[in-house]
Amino acid sequence: MTNILVPTDFSEHGDAAVEYAVNLARRLDATLHLLHVVTIPVAGVGDIGLVNATAFAQSAQRDAQASLEAIATRLRDHVEVAPVRVEAGDARSVINLVAQQIYADMIVMGTHGRRGLSRWFLGSIAESVVRTAPCPVLTVHHDCRARSSSSTAVSSSTLTGLVR
């Protein structure tokens, strides 16, 4: 295994996945590829206007790039990290496309664990990626951090405050 793709939304679930992926990459001598996908809500474009939507997307991409760079800088002391990527589009499609482009051996991503109506309304990016990815997908719930942090090389303290 040489390439692990780690898409993150900067949530505690995403942080748990990054933490898990770092420890996995260390054990497998793999390279981490950090990814964030900026999605512009199509329904909201009419309300804020096309010019404002474009400005919003550009600002979101700059912020995400800075956040990913900060995480990568901190992680490089622990594991090899490829140049970070910020892409715009549908997260499900972009994650699969990037996985193909980098020849990912695995995708490690957080899951919010939604159930019922919230899952039906919001969908599940992780579930969709699991069904359509070109490689195995490991989903990590934020509760996994508490169970694994005592035996891991990188803990949540490495990530805390970087993206908030």
N, C-alpha and C. Protein backbone atom coordinates (compact mmCIF):
# COMPACT_ATOMS: atom_id res chain seq x y z
N MET A 1 0.86 -1.18 0.00
CA MET A 1 0.00 0.00 0.00
C MET A 1 0.90 1.23 0.00
N THR A 2 0.66 2.12 -0.95
CA THR A 2 1.52 3.29 -1.03
C THR A 2 0.77 4.62 -0.95
N ASN A 3 -0.50 4.67 -1.33
CA ASN A 3 -1.24 5.93 -1.36
C ASN A 3 -2.57 5.81 -0.61
N ILE A 4 -2.74 6.67 0.38
CA ILE A 4 -3.98 6.72 1.13
C ILE A 4 -4.60 8.09 0.93
N LEU A 5 -5.80 8.12 0.37
CA LEU A 5 -6.53 9.37 0.18
C LEU A 5 -7.37 9.64 1.42
N VAL A 6 -7.27 10.88 1.92
CA VAL A 6 -8.02 11.26 3.12
C VAL A 6 -8.82 12.53 2.83
N PRO A 7 -10.06 12.36 2.38
CA PRO A 7 -10.91 13.54 2.21
C PRO A 7 -11.40 14.00 3.58
N THR A 8 -11.39 15.30 3.79
CA THR A 8 -11.84 15.82 5.08
C THR A 8 -12.75 17.01 4.89
N ASP A 9 -13.71 17.12 5.81
CA ASP A 9 -14.61 18.28 5.82
C ASP A 9 -14.30 19.19 7.01
N PHE A 10 -13.19 18.93 7.68
CA PHE A 10 -12.72 19.70 8.83
C PHE A 10 -13.61 19.55 10.06
N SER A 11 -14.47 18.55 10.09
CA SER A 11 -15.30 18.28 11.26
C SER A 11 -14.52 17.37 12.22
N GLU A 12 -15.09 17.10 13.38
CA GLU A 12 -14.44 16.17 14.30
C GLU A 12 -14.38 14.78 13.67
N HIS A 13 -15.32 14.46 12.81
CA HIS A 13 -15.31 13.17 12.12
C HIS A 13 -14.15 13.13 11.12
N GLY A 14 -13.95 14.22 10.41
CA GLY A 14 -12.82 14.31 9.49
C GLY A 14 -11.49 14.27 10.22
N ASP A 15 -11.42 14.96 11.36
CA ASP A 15 -10.19 14.94 12.16
C ASP A 15 -9.87 13.52 12.63
N ALA A 16 -10.89 12.78 13.04
CA ALA A 16 -10.69 11.39 13.49
C ALA A 16 -10.16 10.54 12.34
N ALA A 17 -10.67 10.76 11.13
CA ALA A 17 -10.21 10.00 9.98
C ALA A 17 -8.76 10.35 9.65
N VAL A 18 -8.40 11.63 9.72
CA VAL A 18 -7.01 12.03 9.47
C VAL A 18 -6.10 11.36 10.48
N GLU A 19 -6.49 11.42 11.74
CA GLU A 19 -5.69 10.81 12.80
C GLU A 19 -5.50 9.31 12.55
N TYR A 20 -6.57 8.64 12.21
CA TYR A 20 -6.52 7.20 11.94
C TYR A 20 -5.63 6.92 10.73
N ALA A 21 -5.80 7.71 9.68
CA ALA A 21 -5.03 7.51 8.45
C ALA A 21 -3.54 7.73 8.67
N VAL A 22 -3.18 8.71 9.48
CA VAL A 22 -1.77 8.96 9.77
C VAL A 22 -1.14 7.73 10.41
N ASN A 23 -1.81 7.19 11.38
CA ASN A 23 -1.27 6.02 12.07
C ASN A 23 -1.21 4.81 11.14
N LEU A 24 -2.20 4.66 10.29
CA LEU A 24 -2.19 3.58 9.32
C LEU A 24 -1.04 3.78 8.32
N ALA A 25 -0.87 4.99 7.83
CA ALA A 25 0.19 5.28 6.86
C ALA A 25 1.57 5.02 7.47
N ARG A 26 1.73 5.36 8.71
CA ARG A 26 3.03 5.10 9.37
C ARG A 26 3.32 3.62 9.41
N ARG A 27 2.32 2.85 9.76
CA ARG A 27 2.51 1.39 9.86
C ARG A 27 2.77 0.76 8.50
N LEU A 28 2.17 1.33 7.45
CA LEU A 28 2.27 0.75 6.12
C LEU A 28 3.28 1.46 5.22
N ASP A 29 3.95 2.47 5.77
CA ASP A 29 4.91 3.27 5.02
C ASP A 29 4.25 3.84 3.76
N ALA A 30 3.07 4.40 3.92
CA ALA A 30 2.29 4.95 2.81
C ALA A 30 2.32 6.47 2.84
N THR A 31 1.94 7.07 1.74
CA THR A 31 1.83 8.52 1.61
C THR A 31 0.38 8.94 1.78
N LEU A 32 0.17 10.00 2.57
CA LEU A 32 -1.18 10.54 2.74
C LEU A 32 -1.43 11.60 1.68
N HIS A 33 -2.64 11.59 1.15
CA HIS A 33 -3.10 12.60 0.20
C HIS A 33 -4.33 13.26 0.82
N LEU A 34 -4.17 14.48 1.33
CA LEU A 34 -5.27 15.20 1.96
C LEU A 34 -6.09 15.94 0.90
N LEU A 35 -7.41 15.85 1.03
CA LEU A 35 -8.32 16.44 0.06
C LEU A 35 -9.48 17.10 0.78
N HIS A 36 -9.87 18.27 0.28
CA HIS A 36 -11.12 18.90 0.71
C HIS A 36 -11.88 19.29 -0.54
N VAL A 37 -13.19 19.03 -0.53
CA VAL A 37 -14.03 19.37 -1.67
C VAL A 37 -14.96 20.50 -1.26
N VAL A 38 -14.89 21.60 -2.00
CA VAL A 38 -15.77 22.75 -1.77
C VAL A 38 -17.00 22.55 -2.64
N THR A 39 -18.16 22.56 -2.00
CA THR A 39 -19.42 22.39 -2.71
C THR A 39 -20.24 23.66 -2.57
N ILE A 40 -20.70 24.17 -3.68
CA ILE A 40 -21.56 25.36 -3.65
C ILE A 40 -23.00 24.87 -3.72
N PRO A 41 -23.82 25.23 -2.73
CA PRO A 41 -25.22 24.80 -2.77
C PRO A 41 -25.94 25.46 -3.94
N VAL A 42 -26.37 24.65 -4.89
CA VAL A 42 -27.02 25.17 -6.09
C VAL A 42 -28.30 25.92 -5.76
N ALA A 43 -29.06 25.43 -4.80
CA ALA A 43 -30.32 26.07 -4.45
C ALA A 43 -30.10 27.49 -3.93
N GLY A 44 -28.92 27.74 -3.33
CA GLY A 44 -28.67 29.05 -2.75
C GLY A 44 -28.12 30.07 -3.72
N VAL A 45 -27.70 29.64 -4.90
CA VAL A 45 -27.07 30.58 -5.82
C VAL A 45 -28.02 31.70 -6.21
N GLY A 46 -29.29 31.41 -6.44
CA GLY A 46 -30.24 32.45 -6.81
C GLY A 46 -30.40 33.51 -5.75
N ASP A 47 -30.31 33.10 -4.50
CA ASP A 47 -30.47 34.03 -3.40
C ASP A 47 -29.27 34.96 -3.23
N ILE A 48 -28.08 34.45 -3.45
CA ILE A 48 -26.90 35.28 -3.21
C ILE A 48 -26.29 35.83 -4.49
N GLY A 49 -26.75 35.35 -5.63
CA GLY A 49 -26.27 35.86 -6.91
C GLY A 49 -25.04 35.13 -7.38
N LEU A 50 -24.88 35.05 -8.68
CA LEU A 50 -23.77 34.31 -9.27
C LEU A 50 -22.42 34.91 -8.91
N VAL A 51 -22.31 36.22 -8.90
CA VAL A 51 -21.04 36.87 -8.56
C VAL A 51 -20.66 36.54 -7.12
N ASN A 52 -21.63 36.65 -6.22
CA ASN A 52 -21.36 36.34 -4.82
C ASN A 52 -21.05 34.86 -4.63
N ALA A 53 -21.72 33.99 -5.39
CA ALA A 53 -21.45 32.55 -5.29
C ALA A 53 -20.02 32.25 -5.72
N THR A 54 -19.56 32.90 -6.77
CA THR A 54 -18.19 32.71 -7.24
C THR A 54 -17.19 33.21 -6.20
N ALA A 55 -17.46 34.37 -5.64
CA ALA A 55 -16.59 34.92 -4.59
C ALA A 55 -16.58 34.00 -3.38
N PHE A 56 -17.75 33.47 -3.03
CA PHE A 56 -17.86 32.53 -1.91
C PHE A 56 -17.00 31.30 -2.17
N ALA A 57 -17.10 30.73 -3.36
CA ALA A 57 -16.35 29.53 -3.71
C ALA A 57 -14.85 29.79 -3.66
N GLN A 58 -14.43 30.92 -4.19
CA GLN A 58 -13.00 31.25 -4.17
C GLN A 58 -12.49 31.44 -2.75
N SER A 59 -13.28 32.10 -1.93
CA SER A 59 -12.90 32.29 -0.54
C SER A 59 -12.85 30.95 0.20
N ALA A 60 -13.84 30.12 -0.03
CA ALA A 60 -13.87 28.80 0.62
C ALA A 60 -12.67 27.96 0.19
N GLN A 61 -12.31 28.04 -1.08
CA GLN A 61 -11.15 27.28 -1.55
C GLN A 61 -9.85 27.80 -0.93
N ARG A 62 -9.70 29.11 -0.82
CA ARG A 62 -8.49 29.67 -0.17
C ARG A 62 -8.42 29.24 1.29
N ASP A 63 -9.54 29.33 2.00
CA ASP A 63 -9.56 28.94 3.41
C ASP A 63 -9.23 27.45 3.58
N ALA A 64 -9.82 26.63 2.73
CA ALA A 64 -9.58 25.18 2.81
C ALA A 64 -8.12 24.87 2.49
N GLN A 65 -7.56 25.54 1.50
CA GLN A 65 -6.16 25.32 1.14
C GLN A 65 -5.25 25.64 2.33
N ALA A 66 -5.51 26.76 2.97
CA ALA A 66 -4.71 27.15 4.14
C ALA A 66 -4.86 26.15 5.28
N SER A 67 -6.08 25.69 5.51
CA SER A 67 -6.33 24.72 6.57
C SER A 67 -5.63 23.40 6.28
N LEU A 68 -5.74 22.91 5.05
CA LEU A 68 -5.09 21.66 4.70
C LEU A 68 -3.57 21.78 4.78
N GLU A 69 -3.04 22.92 4.34
CA GLU A 69 -1.59 23.14 4.42
C GLU A 69 -1.12 23.11 5.88
N ALA A 70 -1.90 23.70 6.76
CA ALA A 70 -1.55 23.71 8.18
C ALA A 70 -1.54 22.28 8.74
N ILE A 71 -2.53 21.50 8.38
CA ILE A 71 -2.58 20.11 8.84
C ILE A 71 -1.39 19.34 8.27
N ALA A 72 -1.14 19.50 6.97
CA ALA A 72 -0.04 18.77 6.34
C ALA A 72 1.30 19.12 6.97
N THR A 73 1.50 20.38 7.26
CA THR A 73 2.76 20.81 7.88
C THR A 73 2.97 20.11 9.22
N ARG A 74 1.90 20.06 10.01
CA ARG A 74 2.01 19.38 11.32
C ARG A 74 2.22 17.88 11.17
N LEU A 75 1.60 17.28 10.16
CA LEU A 75 1.68 15.82 9.99
C LEU A 75 3.00 15.37 9.38
N ARG A 76 3.67 16.22 8.65
CA ARG A 76 4.91 15.83 7.97
C ARG A 76 6.00 15.38 8.93
N ASP A 77 5.89 15.74 10.19
CA ASP A 77 6.83 15.23 11.19
C ASP A 77 6.58 13.75 11.48
N HIS A 78 5.41 13.25 11.12
CA HIS A 78 5.01 11.89 11.46
C HIS A 78 4.90 10.95 10.27
N VAL A 79 4.62 11.52 9.07
CA VAL A 79 4.32 10.68 7.92
C VAL A 79 4.54 11.48 6.63
N GLU A 80 4.75 10.78 5.52
CA GLU A 80 4.88 11.47 4.24
C GLU A 80 3.51 11.96 3.78
N VAL A 81 3.45 13.25 3.43
CA VAL A 81 2.20 13.86 2.98
C VAL A 81 2.44 14.47 1.60
N ALA A 82 1.60 14.06 0.65
CA ALA A 82 1.66 14.61 -0.71
C ALA A 82 1.14 16.05 -0.70
N PRO A 83 1.38 16.80 -1.76
CA PRO A 83 0.78 18.14 -1.83
C PRO A 83 -0.75 18.05 -1.64
N VAL A 84 -1.28 18.96 -0.85
CA VAL A 84 -2.71 18.91 -0.55
C VAL A 84 -3.52 19.35 -1.76
N ARG A 85 -4.77 18.91 -1.78
CA ARG A 85 -5.65 19.25 -2.91
C ARG A 85 -6.97 19.80 -2.40
N VAL A 86 -7.39 20.90 -3.00
CA VAL A 86 -8.72 21.46 -2.77
C VAL A 86 -9.40 21.50 -4.12
N GLU A 87 -10.53 20.86 -4.22
CA GLU A 87 -11.27 20.78 -5.48
C GLU A 87 -12.68 21.29 -5.25
N ALA A 88 -13.33 21.71 -6.31
CA ALA A 88 -14.73 22.14 -6.24
C ALA A 88 -15.59 21.14 -6.99
N GLY A 89 -16.79 20.90 -6.47
CA GLY A 89 -17.72 20.00 -7.14
C GLY A 89 -18.49 19.15 -6.17
N ASP A 90 -19.08 18.10 -6.69
CA ASP A 90 -19.81 17.14 -5.87
C ASP A 90 -18.78 16.26 -5.16
N ALA A 91 -18.83 16.23 -3.84
CA ALA A 91 -17.81 15.52 -3.06
C ALA A 91 -17.69 14.06 -3.46
N ARG A 92 -18.81 13.40 -3.68
CA ARG A 92 -18.77 11.98 -4.03
C ARG A 92 -17.96 11.75 -5.31
N SER A 93 -18.26 12.53 -6.33
CA SER A 93 -17.59 12.38 -7.62
C SER A 93 -16.12 12.78 -7.54
N VAL A 94 -15.85 13.88 -6.85
CA VAL A 94 -14.48 14.38 -6.77
C VAL A 94 -13.60 13.40 -6.01
N ILE A 95 -14.09 12.85 -4.92
CA ILE A 95 -13.31 11.88 -4.14
C ILE A 95 -12.94 10.69 -5.00
N ASN A 96 -13.89 10.15 -5.74
CA ASN A 96 -13.61 9.01 -6.60
C ASN A 96 -12.64 9.36 -7.72
N LEU A 97 -12.80 10.53 -8.30
CA LEU A 97 -11.91 10.98 -9.37
C LEU A 97 -10.48 11.13 -8.87
N VAL A 98 -10.32 11.79 -7.73
CA VAL A 98 -8.97 11.98 -7.17
C VAL A 98 -8.37 10.63 -6.80
N ALA A 99 -9.17 9.73 -6.26
CA ALA A 99 -8.67 8.39 -5.92
C ALA A 99 -8.09 7.71 -7.17
N GLN A 100 -8.77 7.86 -8.29
CA GLN A 100 -8.27 7.28 -9.55
C GLN A 100 -6.99 7.99 -9.99
N GLN A 101 -6.98 9.31 -9.91
CA GLN A 101 -5.83 10.09 -10.39
C GLN A 101 -4.55 9.79 -9.63
N ILE A 102 -4.66 9.55 -8.33
CA ILE A 102 -3.46 9.32 -7.51
C ILE A 102 -3.18 7.83 -7.31
N TYR A 103 -3.99 6.98 -7.94
CA TYR A 103 -3.86 5.53 -7.77
C TYR A 103 -3.94 5.15 -6.29
N ALA A 104 -4.97 5.66 -5.64
CA ALA A 104 -5.15 5.39 -4.21
C ALA A 104 -5.33 3.90 -3.95
N ASP A 105 -4.64 3.43 -2.95
CA ASP A 105 -4.81 2.05 -2.51
C ASP A 105 -5.95 1.93 -1.51
N MET A 106 -6.28 3.06 -0.88
CA MET A 106 -7.34 3.08 0.12
C MET A 106 -7.79 4.52 0.32
N ILE A 107 -9.07 4.67 0.67
CA ILE A 107 -9.62 5.96 1.08
C ILE A 107 -10.00 5.81 2.56
N VAL A 108 -9.56 6.76 3.37
CA VAL A 108 -9.94 6.78 4.79
C VAL A 108 -10.72 8.07 5.00
N MET A 109 -11.97 7.94 5.41
CA MET A 109 -12.80 9.13 5.58
C MET A 109 -13.71 9.01 6.78
N GLY A 110 -14.05 10.16 7.33
CA GLY A 110 -14.95 10.20 8.47
C GLY A 110 -16.39 9.98 8.04
N THR A 111 -17.17 9.53 8.98
CA THR A 111 -18.60 9.39 8.75
C THR A 111 -19.34 10.01 9.93
N HIS A 112 -20.40 10.71 9.62
CA HIS A 112 -21.19 11.37 10.67
C HIS A 112 -22.14 10.40 11.34
N GLY A 113 -22.38 9.26 10.74
CA GLY A 113 -23.26 8.26 11.33
C GLY A 113 -24.71 8.69 11.41
N ARG A 114 -25.16 9.48 10.44
CA ARG A 114 -26.56 9.91 10.44
C ARG A 114 -27.47 8.74 10.20
N ARG A 115 -28.66 8.82 10.77
CA ARG A 115 -29.67 7.78 10.61
C ARG A 115 -31.01 8.45 10.29
N GLY A 116 -31.91 7.67 9.81
CA GLY A 116 -33.28 8.14 9.65
C GLY A 116 -33.43 9.27 8.66
N LEU A 117 -34.28 10.24 9.04
CA LEU A 117 -34.62 11.34 8.13
C LEU A 117 -33.43 12.22 7.78
N SER A 118 -32.54 12.48 8.73
CA SER A 118 -31.40 13.35 8.41
C SER A 118 -30.52 12.69 7.35
N ARG A 119 -30.36 11.38 7.40
CA ARG A 119 -29.58 10.69 6.39
C ARG A 119 -30.31 10.74 5.05
N TRP A 120 -31.62 10.58 5.09
CA TRP A 120 -32.41 10.60 3.86
C TRP A 120 -32.34 11.97 3.20
N PHE A 121 -32.47 13.04 4.00
CA PHE A 121 -32.43 14.40 3.45
C PHE A 121 -31.03 14.81 3.03
N LEU A 122 -30.06 14.53 3.87
CA LEU A 122 -28.69 15.00 3.61
C LEU A 122 -27.86 14.02 2.80
N GLY A 123 -28.30 12.78 2.76
CA GLY A 123 -27.52 11.77 2.06
C GLY A 123 -26.28 11.41 2.85
N SER A 124 -25.53 10.50 2.33
CA SER A 124 -24.31 10.09 3.00
C SER A 124 -23.20 10.04 1.96
N ILE A 125 -22.29 11.00 2.06
CA ILE A 125 -21.16 11.01 1.15
C ILE A 125 -20.33 9.75 1.36
N ALA A 126 -20.08 9.40 2.61
CA ALA A 126 -19.27 8.21 2.89
C ALA A 126 -19.92 6.95 2.30
N GLU A 127 -21.22 6.81 2.47
CA GLU A 127 -21.90 5.63 1.95
C GLU A 127 -21.80 5.56 0.43
N SER A 128 -21.98 6.69 -0.22
CA SER A 128 -21.87 6.75 -1.67
C SER A 128 -20.46 6.38 -2.13
N VAL A 129 -19.46 6.91 -1.47
CA VAL A 129 -18.08 6.61 -1.83
C VAL A 129 -17.78 5.13 -1.61
N VAL A 130 -18.26 4.57 -0.52
CA VAL A 130 -18.05 3.15 -0.27
C VAL A 130 -18.60 2.32 -1.43
N ARG A 131 -19.77 2.72 -1.94
CA ARG A 131 -20.40 1.96 -3.02
C ARG A 131 -19.74 2.15 -4.38
N THR A 132 -19.06 3.28 -4.60
CA THR A 132 -18.59 3.60 -5.95
C THR A 132 -17.08 3.78 -6.09
N ALA A 133 -16.35 3.71 -5.01
CA ALA A 133 -14.91 4.00 -5.05
C ALA A 133 -14.13 2.96 -5.85
N PRO A 134 -13.03 3.39 -6.44
CA PRO A 134 -12.19 2.47 -7.20
C PRO A 134 -11.23 1.65 -6.33
N CYS A 135 -11.33 1.82 -5.01
CA CYS A 135 -10.45 1.11 -4.08
C CYS A 135 -11.20 0.90 -2.76
N PRO A 136 -10.63 0.14 -1.82
CA PRO A 136 -11.29 -0.03 -0.52
C PRO A 136 -11.44 1.30 0.21
N VAL A 137 -12.51 1.39 1.00
CA VAL A 137 -12.79 2.60 1.78
C VAL A 137 -12.94 2.20 3.25
N LEU A 138 -12.20 2.90 4.10
CA LEU A 138 -12.31 2.71 5.54
C LEU A 138 -13.01 3.94 6.10
N THR A 139 -14.16 3.74 6.72
CA THR A 139 -14.87 4.86 7.34
C THR A 139 -14.58 4.87 8.83
N VAL A 140 -14.39 6.07 9.35
CA VAL A 140 -14.01 6.25 10.75
C VAL A 140 -15.02 7.17 11.42
N HIS A 141 -15.60 6.71 12.49
CA HIS A 141 -16.50 7.54 13.30
C HIS A 141 -15.65 8.23 14.35
N HIS A 142 -16.01 9.44 14.75
CA HIS A 142 -15.17 10.20 15.68
C HIS A 142 -14.96 9.48 17.00
N ASP A 143 -15.84 8.56 17.39
CA ASP A 143 -15.65 7.80 18.62
C ASP A 143 -14.45 6.87 18.56
N CYS A 144 -14.00 6.53 17.36
CA CYS A 144 -12.83 5.65 17.22
C CYS A 144 -11.58 6.32 17.76
N ARG A 145 -11.54 7.64 17.73
CA ARG A 145 -10.38 8.38 18.24
C ARG A 145 -10.13 8.05 19.70
N ALA A 146 -11.18 8.03 20.51
CA ALA A 146 -11.03 7.78 21.94
C ALA A 146 -10.48 6.38 22.20
N ARG A 147 -10.89 5.41 21.41
CA ARG A 147 -10.45 4.03 21.61
C ARG A 147 -9.02 3.81 21.15
N SER A 148 -8.56 4.57 20.15
CA SER A 148 -7.25 4.29 19.58
C SER A 148 -6.16 5.26 20.01
N SER A 149 -6.50 6.39 20.60
CA SER A 149 -5.49 7.44 20.82
C SER A 149 -4.42 7.05 21.82
N SER A 150 -4.70 6.15 22.75
CA SER A 150 -3.68 5.80 23.73
C SER A 150 -2.54 5.01 23.11
N SER A 151 -2.79 4.36 21.97
CA SER A 151 -1.74 3.55 21.36
C SER A 151 -1.26 4.11 20.03
N THR A 152 -1.63 5.33 19.71
CA THR A 152 -1.27 5.88 18.41
C THR A 152 -0.17 6.91 18.53
N ALA A 153 0.54 7.09 17.43
CA ALA A 153 1.65 8.04 17.41
C ALA A 153 1.16 9.47 17.26
N VAL A 154 0.05 9.65 16.57
CA VAL A 154 -0.50 10.98 16.36
C VAL A 154 -1.85 11.01 17.03
N SER A 155 -2.04 11.99 17.89
CA SER A 155 -3.30 12.07 18.61
C SER A 155 -4.07 13.32 18.20
N SER A 156 -5.24 13.45 18.75
CA SER A 156 -6.08 14.59 18.41
C SER A 156 -5.41 15.91 18.77
N SER A 157 -4.48 15.91 19.72
CA SER A 157 -3.80 17.16 20.07
C SER A 157 -2.97 17.69 18.90
N THR A 158 -2.53 16.81 18.00
CA THR A 158 -1.78 17.24 16.82
C THR A 158 -2.67 18.04 15.89
N LEU A 159 -3.97 17.71 15.86
CA LEU A 159 -4.90 18.35 14.93
C LEU A 159 -5.69 19.48 15.56
N THR A 160 -5.83 19.47 16.87
CA THR A 160 -6.70 20.43 17.54
C THR A 160 -6.30 21.86 17.22
N GLY A 161 -7.29 22.64 16.86
CA GLY A 161 -7.09 24.05 16.63
C GLY A 161 -6.57 24.42 15.25
N LEU A 162 -6.23 23.42 14.44
CA LEU A 162 -5.67 23.74 13.14
C LEU A 162 -6.69 24.28 12.16
N VAL A 163 -7.92 23.80 12.25
CA VAL A 163 -8.90 24.16 11.24
C VAL A 163 -10.10 24.87 11.84
N ARG A 164 -10.04 25.20 13.08
CA ARG A 164 -11.20 25.82 13.71
C ARG A 164 -10.97 27.27 13.94
